[in-house]
Amino acid sequence: MEEALNATTNLEPGVVTLPQRTTPFALGVFCLKEHKPDKKACELVKEERAIVLIEKRKNGVYAPNAKAMGTLINYLLETRLIAMHQDQVSLVNMKLLSSVP
């Protein structure tokens, strides 16, 4: 089984590598957006350096942002993997959640 794993991941036996980071090193999180945010906050969201988890729509309904939640999960997973690697904890190769389109 180990040979099959190494063949599919192109890893040498006993070598642990981290995937290239796909999320920013820091991620701002706005839990709730009720009003139009300031210009800087809009820039951070547009540059994907911050996310908005829940937005209040014009009709007063609060709507969760599934893509932002996926981004947050990926960010936390990658950060945890990097921390585990730095602490020299054995890692299992895993794919992170794909973002919702």
N, C-alpha and C. Protein backbone atom coordinates (compact mmCIF):
# COMPACT_ATOMS: atom_id res chain seq x y z
N MET A 1 0.82 -1.19 0.00
CA MET A 1 0.00 0.00 0.00
C MET A 1 0.86 1.26 0.00
N GLU A 2 1.98 1.22 0.73
CA GLU A 2 2.87 2.38 0.78
C GLU A 2 3.41 2.71 -0.59
N GLU A 3 3.71 1.68 -1.39
CA GLU A 3 4.20 1.92 -2.75
C GLU A 3 3.14 2.63 -3.59
N ALA A 4 1.88 2.23 -3.44
CA ALA A 4 0.80 2.86 -4.20
C ALA A 4 0.64 4.32 -3.78
N LEU A 5 0.74 4.59 -2.48
CA LEU A 5 0.63 5.97 -2.00
C LEU A 5 1.75 6.83 -2.55
N ASN A 6 2.96 6.32 -2.52
CA ASN A 6 4.10 7.08 -3.03
C ASN A 6 4.01 7.28 -4.53
N ALA A 7 3.46 6.31 -5.25
CA ALA A 7 3.32 6.45 -6.69
C ALA A 7 2.30 7.52 -7.05
N THR A 8 1.24 7.62 -6.26
CA THR A 8 0.20 8.60 -6.58
C THR A 8 0.54 10.01 -6.09
N THR A 9 1.41 10.13 -5.08
CA THR A 9 1.74 11.45 -4.54
C THR A 9 3.13 11.92 -4.95
N ASN A 10 3.90 11.07 -5.65
CA ASN A 10 5.27 11.39 -6.05
C ASN A 10 6.16 11.73 -4.87
N LEU A 11 5.95 11.06 -3.74
CA LEU A 11 6.78 11.28 -2.56
C LEU A 11 7.73 10.11 -2.38
N GLU A 12 8.90 10.42 -1.88
CA GLU A 12 9.85 9.37 -1.54
C GLU A 12 9.42 8.79 -0.19
N PRO A 13 9.66 7.50 0.03
CA PRO A 13 9.29 6.91 1.32
C PRO A 13 9.99 7.65 2.46
N GLY A 14 9.23 7.99 3.50
CA GLY A 14 9.78 8.64 4.67
C GLY A 14 9.98 10.14 4.53
N VAL A 15 9.64 10.73 3.39
CA VAL A 15 9.82 12.17 3.19
C VAL A 15 8.46 12.85 3.31
N VAL A 16 8.39 13.84 4.18
CA VAL A 16 7.15 14.57 4.38
C VAL A 16 7.32 15.97 3.81
N THR A 17 6.44 16.35 2.90
CA THR A 17 6.50 17.69 2.33
C THR A 17 5.14 18.37 2.51
N LEU A 18 5.19 19.67 2.64
CA LEU A 18 3.95 20.44 2.74
C LEU A 18 3.56 20.96 1.38
N PRO A 19 2.27 21.00 1.08
CA PRO A 19 1.85 21.61 -0.18
C PRO A 19 2.11 23.11 -0.13
N GLN A 20 2.22 23.71 -1.29
CA GLN A 20 2.42 25.15 -1.34
C GLN A 20 1.18 25.83 -0.75
N ARG A 21 1.39 26.86 0.06
CA ARG A 21 0.28 27.54 0.72
C ARG A 21 -0.63 28.17 -0.31
N THR A 22 -1.93 27.92 -0.19
CA THR A 22 -2.92 28.47 -1.14
C THR A 22 -3.74 29.58 -0.52
N THR A 23 -3.58 29.83 0.78
CA THR A 23 -4.31 30.89 1.45
C THR A 23 -3.31 31.93 1.93
N PRO A 24 -3.77 33.15 2.22
CA PRO A 24 -2.85 34.18 2.70
C PRO A 24 -2.28 33.82 4.07
N PHE A 25 -1.16 34.46 4.44
CA PHE A 25 -0.55 34.19 5.75
C PHE A 25 -1.38 34.79 6.88
N ALA A 26 -2.16 35.80 6.58
CA ALA A 26 -3.08 36.39 7.54
C ALA A 26 -4.43 36.56 6.84
N LEU A 27 -5.49 36.34 7.58
CA LEU A 27 -6.82 36.44 6.99
C LEU A 27 -7.73 37.20 7.95
N GLY A 28 -8.26 38.32 7.49
CA GLY A 28 -9.21 39.08 8.29
C GLY A 28 -10.58 38.45 8.17
N VAL A 29 -11.33 38.46 9.27
CA VAL A 29 -12.66 37.86 9.27
C VAL A 29 -13.66 38.87 9.81
N PHE A 30 -14.63 39.24 8.96
CA PHE A 30 -15.76 40.05 9.38
C PHE A 30 -16.91 39.08 9.58
N CYS A 31 -17.35 38.92 10.82
CA CYS A 31 -18.40 37.94 11.10
C CYS A 31 -19.75 38.37 10.53
N LEU A 32 -20.06 39.66 10.64
CA LEU A 32 -21.37 40.15 10.20
C LEU A 32 -21.21 41.49 9.50
N LYS A 33 -21.79 41.60 8.33
CA LYS A 33 -21.78 42.86 7.57
C LYS A 33 -23.23 43.34 7.47
N GLU A 34 -23.54 44.41 8.25
CA GLU A 34 -24.90 44.94 8.22
C GLU A 34 -25.00 46.19 7.36
N HIS A 35 -23.96 46.98 7.33
CA HIS A 35 -23.94 48.22 6.58
C HIS A 35 -22.77 48.19 5.61
N LYS A 36 -22.73 49.14 4.72
CA LYS A 36 -21.62 49.22 3.79
C LYS A 36 -20.34 49.52 4.58
N PRO A 37 -19.32 48.63 4.48
CA PRO A 37 -18.09 48.85 5.24
C PRO A 37 -17.25 49.98 4.63
N ASP A 38 -16.24 50.39 5.37
CA ASP A 38 -15.37 51.45 4.86
C ASP A 38 -14.54 50.97 3.67
N LYS A 39 -13.88 51.89 3.03
CA LYS A 39 -13.15 51.61 1.78
C LYS A 39 -12.05 50.57 1.99
N LYS A 40 -11.32 50.68 3.11
CA LYS A 40 -10.21 49.75 3.37
C LYS A 40 -10.72 48.32 3.54
N ALA A 41 -11.84 48.16 4.26
CA ALA A 41 -12.41 46.83 4.46
C ALA A 41 -12.84 46.23 3.12
N CYS A 42 -13.45 47.04 2.26
CA CYS A 42 -13.86 46.57 0.93
C CYS A 42 -12.66 46.12 0.11
N GLU A 43 -11.55 46.87 0.21
CA GLU A 43 -10.33 46.51 -0.52
C GLU A 43 -9.79 45.17 -0.03
N LEU A 44 -9.78 44.96 1.28
CA LEU A 44 -9.27 43.70 1.83
C LEU A 44 -10.10 42.50 1.36
N VAL A 45 -11.41 42.67 1.32
CA VAL A 45 -12.29 41.58 0.85
C VAL A 45 -12.07 41.35 -0.63
N LYS A 46 -11.95 42.42 -1.40
CA LYS A 46 -11.74 42.29 -2.85
C LYS A 46 -10.41 41.60 -3.16
N GLU A 47 -9.38 41.90 -2.36
CA GLU A 47 -8.05 41.30 -2.54
C GLU A 47 -7.96 39.90 -1.93
N GLU A 48 -9.07 39.42 -1.36
CA GLU A 48 -9.15 38.11 -0.70
C GLU A 48 -8.21 38.00 0.48
N ARG A 49 -7.97 39.11 1.17
CA ARG A 49 -7.18 39.12 2.40
C ARG A 49 -8.09 39.17 3.62
N ALA A 50 -9.39 39.30 3.38
CA ALA A 50 -10.40 39.28 4.43
C ALA A 50 -11.67 38.67 3.85
N ILE A 51 -12.52 38.16 4.74
CA ILE A 51 -13.77 37.55 4.30
C ILE A 51 -14.92 38.07 5.16
N VAL A 52 -16.12 37.98 4.62
CA VAL A 52 -17.35 38.31 5.34
C VAL A 52 -18.16 37.02 5.44
N LEU A 53 -18.43 36.58 6.67
CA LEU A 53 -19.12 35.30 6.86
C LEU A 53 -20.64 35.42 6.69
N ILE A 54 -21.23 36.51 7.19
CA ILE A 54 -22.69 36.68 7.11
C ILE A 54 -22.98 38.12 6.68
N GLU A 55 -23.87 38.27 5.71
CA GLU A 55 -24.24 39.60 5.23
C GLU A 55 -25.73 39.83 5.40
N LYS A 56 -26.07 41.06 5.76
CA LYS A 56 -27.48 41.44 5.84
C LYS A 56 -27.89 41.97 4.49
N ARG A 57 -28.88 41.33 3.88
CA ARG A 57 -29.34 41.75 2.56
C ARG A 57 -30.30 42.93 2.68
N LYS A 58 -30.63 43.50 1.53
CA LYS A 58 -31.50 44.68 1.50
C LYS A 58 -32.88 44.40 2.10
N ASN A 59 -33.35 43.17 1.99
CA ASN A 59 -34.67 42.82 2.52
C ASN A 59 -34.63 42.48 4.01
N GLY A 60 -33.45 42.66 4.66
CA GLY A 60 -33.33 42.43 6.09
C GLY A 60 -32.98 41.01 6.48
N VAL A 61 -32.85 40.12 5.51
CA VAL A 61 -32.52 38.72 5.78
C VAL A 61 -31.00 38.57 5.90
N TYR A 62 -30.56 37.81 6.89
CA TYR A 62 -29.14 37.53 7.06
C TYR A 62 -28.78 36.29 6.23
N ALA A 63 -27.77 36.42 5.40
CA ALA A 63 -27.40 35.33 4.49
C ALA A 63 -25.95 34.90 4.75
N PRO A 64 -25.73 33.61 5.01
CA PRO A 64 -24.37 33.12 5.18
C PRO A 64 -23.64 33.07 3.84
N ASN A 65 -22.34 33.28 3.87
CA ASN A 65 -21.51 33.25 2.67
C ASN A 65 -20.72 31.94 2.68
N ALA A 66 -21.20 30.95 1.92
CA ALA A 66 -20.59 29.61 1.91
C ALA A 66 -19.15 29.64 1.40
N LYS A 67 -18.87 30.45 0.39
CA LYS A 67 -17.51 30.53 -0.15
C LYS A 67 -16.56 31.06 0.91
N ALA A 68 -16.98 32.08 1.65
CA ALA A 68 -16.12 32.64 2.70
C ALA A 68 -15.87 31.62 3.81
N MET A 69 -16.89 30.84 4.13
CA MET A 69 -16.72 29.82 5.17
C MET A 69 -15.75 28.73 4.72
N GLY A 70 -15.82 28.36 3.44
CA GLY A 70 -14.85 27.40 2.89
C GLY A 70 -13.44 27.97 2.92
N THR A 71 -13.30 29.25 2.60
CA THR A 71 -11.99 29.90 2.66
C THR A 71 -11.44 29.88 4.08
N LEU A 72 -12.29 30.17 5.07
CA LEU A 72 -11.85 30.15 6.46
C LEU A 72 -11.42 28.75 6.89
N ILE A 73 -12.19 27.74 6.50
CA ILE A 73 -11.83 26.35 6.84
C ILE A 73 -10.49 25.98 6.23
N ASN A 74 -10.29 26.31 4.95
CA ASN A 74 -9.01 26.02 4.30
C ASN A 74 -7.87 26.73 4.98
N TYR A 75 -8.08 27.99 5.34
CA TYR A 75 -7.03 28.76 6.03
C TYR A 75 -6.66 28.10 7.35
N LEU A 76 -7.66 27.71 8.13
CA LEU A 76 -7.38 27.09 9.42
C LEU A 76 -6.71 25.73 9.26
N LEU A 77 -7.14 24.95 8.26
CA LEU A 77 -6.51 23.65 8.01
C LEU A 77 -5.04 23.81 7.61
N GLU A 78 -4.77 24.73 6.70
CA GLU A 78 -3.38 24.95 6.27
C GLU A 78 -2.52 25.44 7.42
N THR A 79 -3.05 26.35 8.22
CA THR A 79 -2.30 26.87 9.36
C THR A 79 -1.99 25.76 10.35
N ARG A 80 -2.96 24.89 10.58
CA ARG A 80 -2.75 23.76 11.50
C ARG A 80 -1.69 22.79 10.93
N LEU A 81 -1.77 22.51 9.63
CA LEU A 81 -0.78 21.62 9.02
C LEU A 81 0.63 22.18 9.13
N ILE A 82 0.77 23.48 8.89
CA ILE A 82 2.08 24.12 8.99
C ILE A 82 2.59 24.07 10.43
N ALA A 83 1.71 24.34 11.39
CA ALA A 83 2.10 24.28 12.80
C ALA A 83 2.53 22.87 13.19
N MET A 84 1.78 21.87 12.73
CA MET A 84 2.14 20.49 13.03
C MET A 84 3.49 20.13 12.41
N HIS A 85 3.72 20.60 11.19
CA HIS A 85 4.98 20.32 10.52
C HIS A 85 6.14 20.98 11.27
N GLN A 86 5.95 22.21 11.73
CA GLN A 86 7.00 22.91 12.46
C GLN A 86 7.26 22.25 13.81
N ASP A 87 6.24 21.61 14.39
CA ASP A 87 6.41 20.89 15.65
C ASP A 87 6.91 19.47 15.41
N GLN A 88 7.19 19.14 14.15
CA GLN A 88 7.70 17.83 13.73
C GLN A 88 6.73 16.70 14.07
N VAL A 89 5.45 16.96 13.85
CA VAL A 89 4.42 15.94 14.01
C VAL A 89 4.24 15.28 12.66
N SER A 90 4.11 13.97 12.64
CA SER A 90 3.91 13.26 11.38
C SER A 90 2.62 13.70 10.73
N LEU A 91 2.68 13.93 9.43
CA LEU A 91 1.50 14.38 8.68
C LEU A 91 1.03 13.30 7.73
N VAL A 92 -0.25 13.29 7.48
CA VAL A 92 -0.85 12.42 6.48
C VAL A 92 -1.21 13.32 5.31
N ASN A 93 -0.88 12.88 4.09
CA ASN A 93 -1.22 13.67 2.91
C ASN A 93 -2.74 13.75 2.79
N MET A 94 -3.26 14.99 2.71
CA MET A 94 -4.70 15.16 2.54
C MET A 94 -4.95 16.38 1.66
N LYS A 95 -6.03 16.32 0.93
CA LYS A 95 -6.43 17.47 0.13
C LYS A 95 -7.35 18.33 0.98
N LEU A 96 -7.21 19.64 0.84
CA LEU A 96 -8.06 20.56 1.57
C LEU A 96 -9.41 20.68 0.86
N LEU A 97 -10.37 21.21 1.56
CA LEU A 97 -11.70 21.40 0.98
C LEU A 97 -11.60 22.33 -0.22
N SER A 98 -12.30 22.03 -1.26
CA SER A 98 -12.30 22.93 -2.42
C SER A 98 -13.31 24.03 -2.17
N SER A 99 -13.00 25.23 -2.62
CA SER A 99 -13.90 26.36 -2.41
C SER A 99 -15.18 26.18 -3.20
N VAL A 100 -16.23 26.70 -2.67
CA VAL A 100 -17.52 26.66 -3.36
C VAL A 100 -17.52 27.73 -4.42
N PRO A 101 -17.87 27.42 -5.66
CA PRO A 101 -17.82 28.44 -6.72
C PRO A 101 -18.82 29.55 -6.50
